[in-house]
Amino acid sequence: LRDALQLFFHRDDTFSLGVCNGCQMMSNLKGLIPGAEHWPRFVRNLSEQFEARFTGVKIQESPSILLAGMAGSIMPVAVAHGEGRAEFNDQKALAAFRESHTLSLSFVSNQGDPTEIYPFNPNGSPEGITGLCNADGRHTIMMPHPERVFRAVQNSWHPSDWDEDSGWMRLFRNARVWVG
């Protein structure tokens, strides 16, 4: 299985999205994913409880093919996890992650700034880290659930210009564009 997964992640005609438990699983497979060596592991929330609600995230500039054209967007998203806190071995590992430029998504405050403050950041991840990609952008992982809010009506409130789709639909359209 290890060889099959490694082959998959190394092929240049593949991509993947790991959401929530998929994010946790893929972070544990980082040794098989090229350009993911600086990914953290995801551990128990600082709140010591399962967190399930909406919160705000900002899409960061990254090579993620799924988040192409979305950098700078601040959007509501569903979270539902008890083990979503990004944990690095030490400050040196966090610095290496920063330098890798693979941060894709951050929890933000009402002012749009990355935050560690609860409840904006439901798990206590440093710097609000909640989504990442590998160096070439083909493999993206995130703790929030964009698949739960891709339609405008799935949100408790939405701007009238969203029509049928929320901003998260772009992620899925980007996947379709990438496969051709």
N, C-alpha and C. Protein backbone atom coordinates (compact mmCIF):
# COMPACT_ATOMS: atom_id res chain seq x y z
N LEU A 1 0.83 -1.19 0.00
CA LEU A 1 0.00 0.00 0.00
C LEU A 1 0.88 1.26 0.00
N ARG A 2 1.96 1.21 0.79
CA ARG A 2 2.87 2.35 0.85
C ARG A 2 3.40 2.70 -0.55
N ASP A 3 3.83 1.68 -1.28
CA ASP A 3 4.37 1.91 -2.63
C ASP A 3 3.31 2.49 -3.56
N ALA A 4 2.09 1.98 -3.47
CA ALA A 4 1.00 2.48 -4.33
C ALA A 4 0.69 3.94 -4.02
N LEU A 5 0.65 4.28 -2.73
CA LEU A 5 0.39 5.68 -2.36
C LEU A 5 1.53 6.59 -2.80
N GLN A 6 2.75 6.15 -2.59
CA GLN A 6 3.89 6.96 -2.99
C GLN A 6 3.88 7.19 -4.50
N LEU A 7 3.58 6.14 -5.25
CA LEU A 7 3.47 6.28 -6.71
C LEU A 7 2.41 7.30 -7.09
N PHE A 8 1.25 7.21 -6.43
CA PHE A 8 0.16 8.15 -6.70
C PHE A 8 0.59 9.59 -6.44
N PHE A 9 1.16 9.85 -5.27
CA PHE A 9 1.53 11.22 -4.90
C PHE A 9 2.64 11.78 -5.79
N HIS A 10 3.48 10.92 -6.34
CA HIS A 10 4.59 11.39 -7.17
C HIS A 10 4.20 11.60 -8.64
N ARG A 11 3.12 10.99 -9.08
CA ARG A 11 2.69 11.18 -10.47
C ARG A 11 2.27 12.63 -10.68
N ASP A 12 2.66 13.22 -11.81
CA ASP A 12 2.32 14.63 -12.04
C ASP A 12 0.92 14.82 -12.61
N ASP A 13 0.18 13.73 -12.81
CA ASP A 13 -1.19 13.85 -13.31
C ASP A 13 -2.22 13.55 -12.22
N THR A 14 -1.81 13.66 -10.95
CA THR A 14 -2.72 13.41 -9.83
C THR A 14 -2.82 14.63 -8.93
N PHE A 15 -3.93 14.71 -8.21
CA PHE A 15 -4.08 15.71 -7.17
C PHE A 15 -4.92 15.09 -6.07
N SER A 16 -4.91 15.71 -4.90
CA SER A 16 -5.74 15.19 -3.80
C SER A 16 -6.17 16.34 -2.90
N LEU A 17 -7.29 16.09 -2.22
CA LEU A 17 -7.81 17.01 -1.21
C LEU A 17 -8.12 16.19 0.03
N GLY A 18 -7.48 16.51 1.14
CA GLY A 18 -7.75 15.85 2.41
C GLY A 18 -8.46 16.82 3.32
N VAL A 19 -9.71 16.52 3.67
CA VAL A 19 -10.51 17.39 4.54
C VAL A 19 -10.70 16.69 5.89
N CYS A 20 -10.46 17.42 6.97
CA CYS A 20 -10.68 16.96 8.34
C CYS A 20 -9.90 15.68 8.62
N ASN A 21 -10.57 14.53 8.75
CA ASN A 21 -9.84 13.29 8.99
C ASN A 21 -8.90 12.97 7.83
N GLY A 22 -9.27 13.36 6.63
CA GLY A 22 -8.39 13.20 5.48
C GLY A 22 -7.14 14.06 5.61
N CYS A 23 -7.29 15.24 6.18
CA CYS A 23 -6.17 16.13 6.45
C CYS A 23 -5.23 15.48 7.46
N GLN A 24 -5.81 14.95 8.54
CA GLN A 24 -5.00 14.28 9.56
C GLN A 24 -4.24 13.10 8.96
N MET A 25 -4.94 12.29 8.17
CA MET A 25 -4.33 11.12 7.57
C MET A 25 -3.19 11.51 6.63
N MET A 26 -3.47 12.48 5.75
CA MET A 26 -2.45 12.88 4.78
C MET A 26 -1.25 13.53 5.46
N SER A 27 -1.47 14.25 6.56
CA SER A 27 -0.32 14.84 7.26
C SER A 27 0.58 13.74 7.83
N ASN A 28 -0.01 12.59 8.16
CA ASN A 28 0.79 11.46 8.63
C ASN A 28 1.49 10.73 7.49
N LEU A 29 1.07 11.00 6.26
CA LEU A 29 1.70 10.42 5.08
C LEU A 29 2.69 11.38 4.43
N LYS A 30 3.01 12.48 5.10
CA LYS A 30 3.83 13.53 4.47
C LYS A 30 5.15 13.02 3.92
N GLY A 31 5.69 11.96 4.49
CA GLY A 31 6.93 11.39 3.97
C GLY A 31 6.78 10.78 2.59
N LEU A 32 5.56 10.51 2.17
CA LEU A 32 5.30 9.95 0.84
C LEU A 32 4.94 11.01 -0.19
N ILE A 33 4.66 12.22 0.29
CA ILE A 33 4.18 13.30 -0.58
C ILE A 33 5.32 14.27 -0.85
N PRO A 34 5.75 14.39 -2.11
CA PRO A 34 6.84 15.32 -2.40
C PRO A 34 6.45 16.76 -2.05
N GLY A 35 7.37 17.46 -1.39
CA GLY A 35 7.12 18.86 -1.03
C GLY A 35 6.21 19.06 0.16
N ALA A 36 6.01 18.00 0.97
CA ALA A 36 5.15 18.10 2.15
C ALA A 36 5.93 17.85 3.45
N GLU A 37 7.23 17.83 3.35
CA GLU A 37 8.05 17.45 4.51
C GLU A 37 7.92 18.39 5.71
N HIS A 38 7.43 19.60 5.50
CA HIS A 38 7.29 20.55 6.62
C HIS A 38 5.88 20.61 7.19
N TRP A 39 4.99 19.75 6.73
CA TRP A 39 3.63 19.74 7.27
C TRP A 39 3.64 19.34 8.74
N PRO A 40 2.74 19.92 9.52
CA PRO A 40 2.62 19.53 10.93
C PRO A 40 1.78 18.26 11.05
N ARG A 41 1.65 17.77 12.26
CA ARG A 41 0.65 16.74 12.55
C ARG A 41 -0.52 17.47 13.21
N PHE A 42 -1.67 16.84 13.24
CA PHE A 42 -2.86 17.47 13.82
C PHE A 42 -3.27 16.71 15.07
N VAL A 43 -3.38 17.45 16.17
CA VAL A 43 -3.61 16.84 17.49
C VAL A 43 -4.82 17.48 18.17
N ARG A 44 -5.10 17.03 19.37
CA ARG A 44 -6.28 17.44 20.14
C ARG A 44 -6.38 18.97 20.26
N ASN A 45 -7.60 19.47 20.09
CA ASN A 45 -7.87 20.90 20.24
C ASN A 45 -7.47 21.38 21.64
N LEU A 46 -7.00 22.61 21.74
CA LEU A 46 -6.68 23.17 23.05
C LEU A 46 -7.91 23.24 23.95
N SER A 47 -9.08 23.39 23.35
CA SER A 47 -10.32 23.46 24.14
C SER A 47 -10.67 22.12 24.79
N GLU A 48 -9.98 21.06 24.35
CA GLU A 48 -10.25 19.71 24.87
C GLU A 48 -11.66 19.23 24.55
N GLN A 49 -12.26 19.80 23.50
CA GLN A 49 -13.61 19.37 23.14
C GLN A 49 -13.78 19.36 21.62
N PHE A 50 -14.80 18.66 21.19
CA PHE A 50 -15.17 18.64 19.78
C PHE A 50 -15.77 20.00 19.45
N GLU A 51 -15.31 20.63 18.39
CA GLU A 51 -15.78 21.95 17.97
C GLU A 51 -16.53 21.80 16.65
N ALA A 52 -17.80 22.19 16.63
CA ALA A 52 -18.61 22.08 15.41
C ALA A 52 -19.42 23.35 15.24
N ARG A 53 -19.04 24.16 14.26
CA ARG A 53 -19.73 25.43 14.01
C ARG A 53 -19.13 26.07 12.75
N PHE A 54 -19.56 27.29 12.48
CA PHE A 54 -18.97 28.09 11.42
C PHE A 54 -17.89 28.98 12.03
N THR A 55 -16.88 29.27 11.24
CA THR A 55 -15.87 30.24 11.61
C THR A 55 -15.34 30.86 10.32
N GLY A 56 -14.50 31.87 10.45
CA GLY A 56 -13.96 32.54 9.28
C GLY A 56 -12.55 32.10 8.96
N VAL A 57 -12.25 31.96 7.68
CA VAL A 57 -10.90 31.64 7.23
C VAL A 57 -10.49 32.59 6.11
N LYS A 58 -9.19 32.76 5.99
CA LYS A 58 -8.63 33.54 4.89
C LYS A 58 -7.80 32.61 4.04
N ILE A 59 -8.01 32.69 2.74
CA ILE A 59 -7.22 31.89 1.82
C ILE A 59 -5.93 32.65 1.54
N GLN A 60 -4.82 31.99 1.81
CA GLN A 60 -3.50 32.59 1.67
C GLN A 60 -2.94 32.34 0.28
N GLU A 61 -2.01 33.16 -0.12
CA GLU A 61 -1.31 32.97 -1.39
C GLU A 61 -0.50 31.68 -1.27
N SER A 62 -0.76 30.73 -2.15
CA SER A 62 -0.05 29.45 -2.11
C SER A 62 -0.11 28.83 -3.50
N PRO A 63 0.69 27.78 -3.72
CA PRO A 63 0.62 27.11 -5.02
C PRO A 63 -0.55 26.14 -5.18
N SER A 64 -1.46 26.04 -4.21
CA SER A 64 -2.56 25.08 -4.27
C SER A 64 -3.38 25.24 -5.55
N ILE A 65 -3.48 24.18 -6.33
CA ILE A 65 -4.28 24.23 -7.56
C ILE A 65 -5.76 24.38 -7.24
N LEU A 66 -6.17 23.87 -6.09
CA LEU A 66 -7.59 23.93 -5.72
C LEU A 66 -8.01 25.32 -5.26
N LEU A 67 -7.07 26.10 -4.76
CA LEU A 67 -7.38 27.43 -4.25
C LEU A 67 -6.90 28.54 -5.19
N ALA A 68 -6.58 28.18 -6.42
CA ALA A 68 -6.11 29.14 -7.42
C ALA A 68 -7.13 30.26 -7.61
N GLY A 69 -6.64 31.49 -7.62
CA GLY A 69 -7.51 32.64 -7.84
C GLY A 69 -8.35 33.03 -6.63
N MET A 70 -8.11 32.39 -5.50
CA MET A 70 -8.92 32.66 -4.31
C MET A 70 -8.15 33.39 -3.20
N ALA A 71 -6.85 33.60 -3.39
CA ALA A 71 -6.02 34.22 -2.35
C ALA A 71 -6.60 35.56 -1.93
N GLY A 72 -6.61 35.79 -0.63
CA GLY A 72 -7.14 37.02 -0.07
C GLY A 72 -8.60 36.93 0.32
N SER A 73 -9.31 35.91 -0.17
CA SER A 73 -10.73 35.75 0.17
C SER A 73 -10.87 35.38 1.65
N ILE A 74 -11.84 36.01 2.30
CA ILE A 74 -12.19 35.66 3.68
C ILE A 74 -13.62 35.15 3.62
N MET A 75 -13.82 33.90 4.06
CA MET A 75 -15.12 33.27 3.91
C MET A 75 -15.49 32.46 5.14
N PRO A 76 -16.81 32.30 5.37
CA PRO A 76 -17.24 31.40 6.43
C PRO A 76 -17.07 29.96 5.96
N VAL A 77 -16.80 29.08 6.93
CA VAL A 77 -16.66 27.66 6.62
C VAL A 77 -17.05 26.85 7.84
N ALA A 78 -17.53 25.65 7.61
CA ALA A 78 -17.90 24.75 8.70
C ALA A 78 -16.65 24.07 9.25
N VAL A 79 -16.60 23.94 10.57
CA VAL A 79 -15.57 23.12 11.22
C VAL A 79 -16.29 22.08 12.07
N ALA A 80 -15.67 20.92 12.19
CA ALA A 80 -16.24 19.83 13.00
C ALA A 80 -15.12 18.86 13.33
N HIS A 81 -14.38 19.16 14.40
CA HIS A 81 -13.27 18.28 14.76
C HIS A 81 -12.90 18.42 16.24
N GLY A 82 -12.29 17.38 16.74
CA GLY A 82 -11.76 17.37 18.10
C GLY A 82 -10.25 17.34 18.12
N GLU A 83 -9.65 17.01 16.97
CA GLU A 83 -8.20 16.92 16.86
C GLU A 83 -7.75 17.68 15.62
N GLY A 84 -7.80 19.00 15.67
CA GLY A 84 -7.48 19.79 14.50
C GLY A 84 -6.34 20.78 14.66
N ARG A 85 -5.68 20.74 15.81
CA ARG A 85 -4.61 21.72 16.09
C ARG A 85 -3.32 21.28 15.40
N ALA A 86 -2.79 22.17 14.57
CA ALA A 86 -1.50 21.91 13.91
C ALA A 86 -0.41 21.96 14.97
N GLU A 87 0.42 20.92 14.99
CA GLU A 87 1.50 20.86 15.98
C GLU A 87 2.81 20.59 15.26
N PHE A 88 3.78 21.43 15.56
CA PHE A 88 5.12 21.29 15.00
C PHE A 88 6.05 20.79 16.11
N ASN A 89 7.11 20.10 15.74
CA ASN A 89 8.04 19.56 16.75
C ASN A 89 8.66 20.65 17.60
N ASP A 90 8.96 21.79 16.99
CA ASP A 90 9.58 22.90 17.71
C ASP A 90 9.47 24.17 16.85
N GLN A 91 10.00 25.27 17.37
CA GLN A 91 9.94 26.54 16.64
C GLN A 91 10.71 26.49 15.33
N LYS A 92 11.77 25.71 15.30
CA LYS A 92 12.55 25.56 14.08
C LYS A 92 11.71 24.90 12.97
N ALA A 93 10.92 23.90 13.36
CA ALA A 93 10.03 23.22 12.40
C ALA A 93 8.95 24.17 11.90
N LEU A 94 8.41 25.00 12.80
CA LEU A 94 7.40 26.00 12.40
C LEU A 94 8.02 27.00 11.43
N ALA A 95 9.26 27.44 11.71
CA ALA A 95 9.95 28.38 10.82
C ALA A 95 10.18 27.75 9.44
N ALA A 96 10.56 26.48 9.41
CA ALA A 96 10.77 25.78 8.13
C ALA A 96 9.46 25.71 7.36
N PHE A 97 8.36 25.46 8.07
CA PHE A 97 7.05 25.44 7.41
C PHE A 97 6.75 26.80 6.81
N ARG A 98 6.96 27.87 7.58
CA ARG A 98 6.71 29.23 7.06
C ARG A 98 7.49 29.47 5.78
N GLU A 99 8.77 29.07 5.78
CA GLU A 99 9.65 29.30 4.63
C GLU A 99 9.26 28.44 3.42
N SER A 100 8.48 27.40 3.64
CA SER A 100 8.08 26.52 2.53
C SER A 100 6.98 27.15 1.68
N HIS A 101 6.31 28.18 2.19
CA HIS A 101 5.24 28.89 1.48
C HIS A 101 4.11 27.95 1.05
N THR A 102 3.78 27.00 1.92
CA THR A 102 2.71 26.05 1.61
C THR A 102 1.48 26.26 2.48
N LEU A 103 1.46 27.33 3.28
CA LEU A 103 0.26 27.68 4.04
C LEU A 103 -0.82 28.10 3.05
N SER A 104 -2.00 27.50 3.14
CA SER A 104 -3.08 27.80 2.21
C SER A 104 -4.27 28.48 2.85
N LEU A 105 -4.49 28.23 4.15
CA LEU A 105 -5.72 28.65 4.81
C LEU A 105 -5.43 28.94 6.27
N SER A 106 -5.97 30.08 6.77
CA SER A 106 -5.79 30.45 8.18
C SER A 106 -7.13 30.83 8.79
N PHE A 107 -7.32 30.44 10.06
CA PHE A 107 -8.45 30.97 10.82
C PHE A 107 -8.17 32.45 11.06
N VAL A 108 -9.21 33.28 10.96
CA VAL A 108 -9.02 34.72 11.12
C VAL A 108 -10.01 35.31 12.12
N SER A 109 -9.61 36.46 12.64
CA SER A 109 -10.47 37.23 13.54
C SER A 109 -11.51 37.98 12.72
N ASN A 110 -12.37 38.71 13.39
CA ASN A 110 -13.36 39.54 12.68
C ASN A 110 -12.70 40.63 11.85
N GLN A 111 -11.45 40.95 12.15
CA GLN A 111 -10.71 41.95 11.37
C GLN A 111 -9.98 41.33 10.18
N GLY A 112 -10.05 40.00 10.05
CA GLY A 112 -9.41 39.33 8.92
C GLY A 112 -7.97 38.97 9.14
N ASP A 113 -7.51 39.02 10.39
CA ASP A 113 -6.11 38.69 10.70
C ASP A 113 -6.00 37.26 11.21
N PRO A 114 -4.97 36.52 10.77
CA PRO A 114 -4.77 35.18 11.31
C PRO A 114 -4.73 35.24 12.84
N THR A 115 -5.38 34.26 13.48
CA THR A 115 -5.50 34.33 14.93
C THR A 115 -5.37 32.97 15.60
N GLU A 116 -4.93 33.02 16.84
CA GLU A 116 -4.89 31.84 17.71
C GLU A 116 -6.00 31.94 18.76
N ILE A 117 -6.76 33.04 18.72
CA ILE A 117 -7.75 33.32 19.75
C ILE A 117 -9.03 32.51 19.54
N TYR A 118 -9.44 31.84 20.60
CA TYR A 118 -10.70 31.09 20.63
C TYR A 118 -11.84 32.08 20.85
N PRO A 119 -12.96 31.98 20.21
CA PRO A 119 -13.45 30.88 19.38
C PRO A 119 -13.18 31.03 17.88
N PHE A 120 -12.53 32.14 17.47
CA PHE A 120 -12.24 32.31 16.04
C PHE A 120 -11.42 31.14 15.51
N ASN A 121 -10.42 30.75 16.29
CA ASN A 121 -9.59 29.60 15.99
C ASN A 121 -10.07 28.47 16.91
N PRO A 122 -10.84 27.53 16.40
CA PRO A 122 -11.47 26.53 17.26
C PRO A 122 -10.54 25.49 17.86
N ASN A 123 -9.30 25.41 17.36
CA ASN A 123 -8.43 24.36 17.85
C ASN A 123 -7.13 24.83 18.49
N GLY A 124 -6.79 26.12 18.34
CA GLY A 124 -5.57 26.64 18.93
C GLY A 124 -4.33 26.48 18.07
N SER A 125 -4.49 26.21 16.78
CA SER A 125 -3.33 26.08 15.90
C SER A 125 -2.50 27.35 15.90
N PRO A 126 -1.17 27.22 15.92
CA PRO A 126 -0.33 28.42 15.87
C PRO A 126 -0.59 29.21 14.60
N GLU A 127 -0.67 30.52 14.76
CA GLU A 127 -0.84 31.44 13.63
C GLU A 127 -2.12 31.16 12.83
N GLY A 128 -3.06 30.44 13.42
CA GLY A 128 -4.32 30.14 12.74
C GLY A 128 -4.21 29.11 11.63
N ILE A 129 -3.09 28.41 11.55
CA ILE A 129 -2.85 27.44 10.47
C ILE A 129 -3.95 26.39 10.43
N THR A 130 -4.61 26.26 9.28
CA THR A 130 -5.65 25.23 9.14
C THR A 130 -5.73 24.59 7.76
N GLY A 131 -4.93 25.05 6.82
CA GLY A 131 -4.89 24.44 5.49
C GLY A 131 -3.52 24.60 4.87
N LEU A 132 -3.07 23.57 4.16
CA LEU A 132 -1.73 23.58 3.58
C LEU A 132 -1.77 22.86 2.24
N CYS A 133 -0.72 23.05 1.49
CA CYS A 133 -0.57 22.27 0.26
C CYS A 133 0.89 21.84 0.16
N ASN A 134 1.18 20.95 -0.77
CA ASN A 134 2.58 20.59 -0.97
C ASN A 134 3.22 21.63 -1.88
N ALA A 135 4.51 21.50 -2.10
CA ALA A 135 5.27 22.54 -2.80
C ALA A 135 4.77 22.82 -4.22
N ASP A 136 4.30 21.81 -4.94
CA ASP A 136 3.82 22.08 -6.30
C ASP A 136 2.31 22.34 -6.35
N GLY A 137 1.64 22.28 -5.19
CA GLY A 137 0.23 22.66 -5.11
C GLY A 137 -0.78 21.59 -5.49
N ARG A 138 -0.33 20.39 -5.83
CA ARG A 138 -1.28 19.35 -6.27
C ARG A 138 -1.98 18.64 -5.11
N HIS A 139 -1.42 18.70 -3.94
CA HIS A 139 -2.00 18.01 -2.79
C HIS A 139 -2.30 19.03 -1.70
N THR A 140 -3.58 19.19 -1.38
CA THR A 140 -4.05 20.19 -0.42
C THR A 140 -4.75 19.49 0.73
N ILE A 141 -4.46 19.94 1.95
CA ILE A 141 -5.14 19.41 3.13
C ILE A 141 -5.67 20.57 3.96
N MET A 142 -6.81 20.35 4.62
CA MET A 142 -7.39 21.38 5.47
C MET A 142 -8.31 20.75 6.50
N MET A 143 -8.38 21.37 7.67
CA MET A 143 -9.28 20.89 8.70
C MET A 143 -10.73 21.33 8.47
N PRO A 144 -11.01 22.54 8.00
CA PRO A 144 -12.40 22.95 7.75
C PRO A 144 -13.05 22.13 6.63
N HIS A 145 -14.37 22.25 6.53
CA HIS A 145 -15.18 21.47 5.59
C HIS A 145 -15.81 22.33 4.49
N PRO A 146 -15.08 22.65 3.41
CA PRO A 146 -15.70 23.42 2.32
C PRO A 146 -16.79 22.64 1.60
N GLU A 147 -16.74 21.32 1.64
CA GLU A 147 -17.77 20.50 0.98
C GLU A 147 -19.13 20.62 1.65
N ARG A 148 -19.16 21.17 2.86
CA ARG A 148 -20.43 21.36 3.57
C ARG A 148 -21.07 22.72 3.29
N VAL A 149 -20.35 23.59 2.60
CA VAL A 149 -20.87 24.95 2.39
C VAL A 149 -20.61 25.47 0.97
N PHE A 150 -20.64 24.60 -0.02
CA PHE A 150 -20.37 25.04 -1.39
C PHE A 150 -21.57 25.71 -2.04
N ARG A 151 -22.77 25.51 -1.48
CA ARG A 151 -23.97 26.18 -1.98
C ARG A 151 -24.30 27.34 -1.05
N ALA A 152 -24.79 28.40 -1.59
CA ALA A 152 -25.11 29.59 -0.80
C ALA A 152 -26.11 29.27 0.32
N VAL A 153 -27.11 28.44 0.04
CA VAL A 153 -28.14 28.14 1.03
C VAL A 153 -27.62 27.30 2.20
N GLN A 154 -26.42 26.76 2.09
CA GLN A 154 -25.84 25.99 3.19
C GLN A 154 -25.25 26.90 4.26
N ASN A 155 -25.21 28.18 4.00
CA ASN A 155 -24.70 29.17 4.95
C ASN A 155 -25.86 29.81 5.69
N SER A 156 -25.63 30.22 6.93
CA SER A 156 -26.71 30.86 7.69
C SER A 156 -27.04 32.23 7.11
N TRP A 157 -26.10 32.86 6.45
CA TRP A 157 -26.29 34.14 5.78
C TRP A 157 -25.31 34.18 4.62
N HIS A 158 -25.68 34.85 3.56
CA HIS A 158 -24.76 35.02 2.44
C HIS A 158 -25.10 36.29 1.68
N PRO A 159 -24.09 36.91 1.05
CA PRO A 159 -24.35 38.09 0.23
C PRO A 159 -25.27 37.72 -0.93
N SER A 160 -26.10 38.65 -1.35
CA SER A 160 -27.06 38.37 -2.42
C SER A 160 -26.37 38.04 -3.74
N ASP A 161 -25.15 38.52 -3.95
CA ASP A 161 -24.47 38.24 -5.21
C ASP A 161 -23.89 36.81 -5.29
N TRP A 162 -24.04 36.02 -4.23
CA TRP A 162 -23.60 34.63 -4.30
C TRP A 162 -24.54 33.78 -5.13
N ASP A 163 -25.75 34.21 -5.36
CA ASP A 163 -26.73 33.42 -6.12
C ASP A 163 -26.81 31.99 -5.56
N GLU A 164 -26.56 30.99 -6.40
CA GLU A 164 -26.67 29.58 -5.97
C GLU A 164 -25.43 29.08 -5.24
N ASP A 165 -24.26 29.56 -5.64
CA ASP A 165 -23.00 29.01 -5.14
C ASP A 165 -22.36 29.92 -4.10
N SER A 166 -21.70 29.30 -3.12
CA SER A 166 -20.88 30.07 -2.19
C SER A 166 -19.50 30.21 -2.83
N GLY A 167 -18.63 30.96 -2.20
CA GLY A 167 -17.27 31.12 -2.70
C GLY A 167 -16.49 29.82 -2.76
N TRP A 168 -16.91 28.84 -1.96
CA TRP A 168 -16.19 27.56 -1.92
C TRP A 168 -16.39 26.74 -3.19
N MET A 169 -17.41 27.02 -3.98
CA MET A 169 -17.61 26.28 -5.22
C MET A 169 -16.40 26.43 -6.13
N ARG A 170 -15.70 27.56 -6.02
CA ARG A 170 -14.51 27.79 -6.85
C ARG A 170 -13.48 26.69 -6.64
N LEU A 171 -13.32 26.21 -5.42
CA LEU A 171 -12.37 25.13 -5.14
C LEU A 171 -12.69 23.92 -6.01
N PHE A 172 -13.94 23.54 -6.09
CA PHE A 172 -14.34 22.37 -6.87
C PHE A 172 -14.26 22.63 -8.37
N ARG A 173 -14.54 23.85 -8.77
CA ARG A 173 -14.39 24.20 -10.19
C ARG A 173 -12.91 24.21 -10.58
N ASN A 174 -12.05 24.66 -9.67
CA ASN A 174 -10.61 24.61 -9.94
C ASN A 174 -10.15 23.17 -10.17
N ALA A 175 -10.70 22.24 -9.41
CA ALA A 175 -10.36 20.82 -9.60
C ALA A 175 -10.76 20.37 -11.00
N ARG A 176 -11.95 20.76 -11.42
CA ARG A 176 -12.45 20.38 -12.75
C ARG A 176 -11.58 20.98 -13.85
N VAL A 177 -11.20 22.23 -13.68
CA VAL A 177 -10.33 22.89 -14.67
C VAL A 177 -8.99 22.16 -14.75
N TRP A 178 -8.45 21.78 -13.60
CA TRP A 178 -7.13 21.15 -13.57
C TRP A 178 -7.13 19.80 -14.31
N VAL A 179 -8.20 19.03 -14.16
CA VAL A 179 -8.23 17.73 -14.83
C VAL A 179 -8.54 17.85 -16.33
N GLY A 180 -8.96 19.03 -16.75
CA GLY A 180 -9.16 19.28 -18.17
C GLY A 180 -10.49 19.02 -18.70
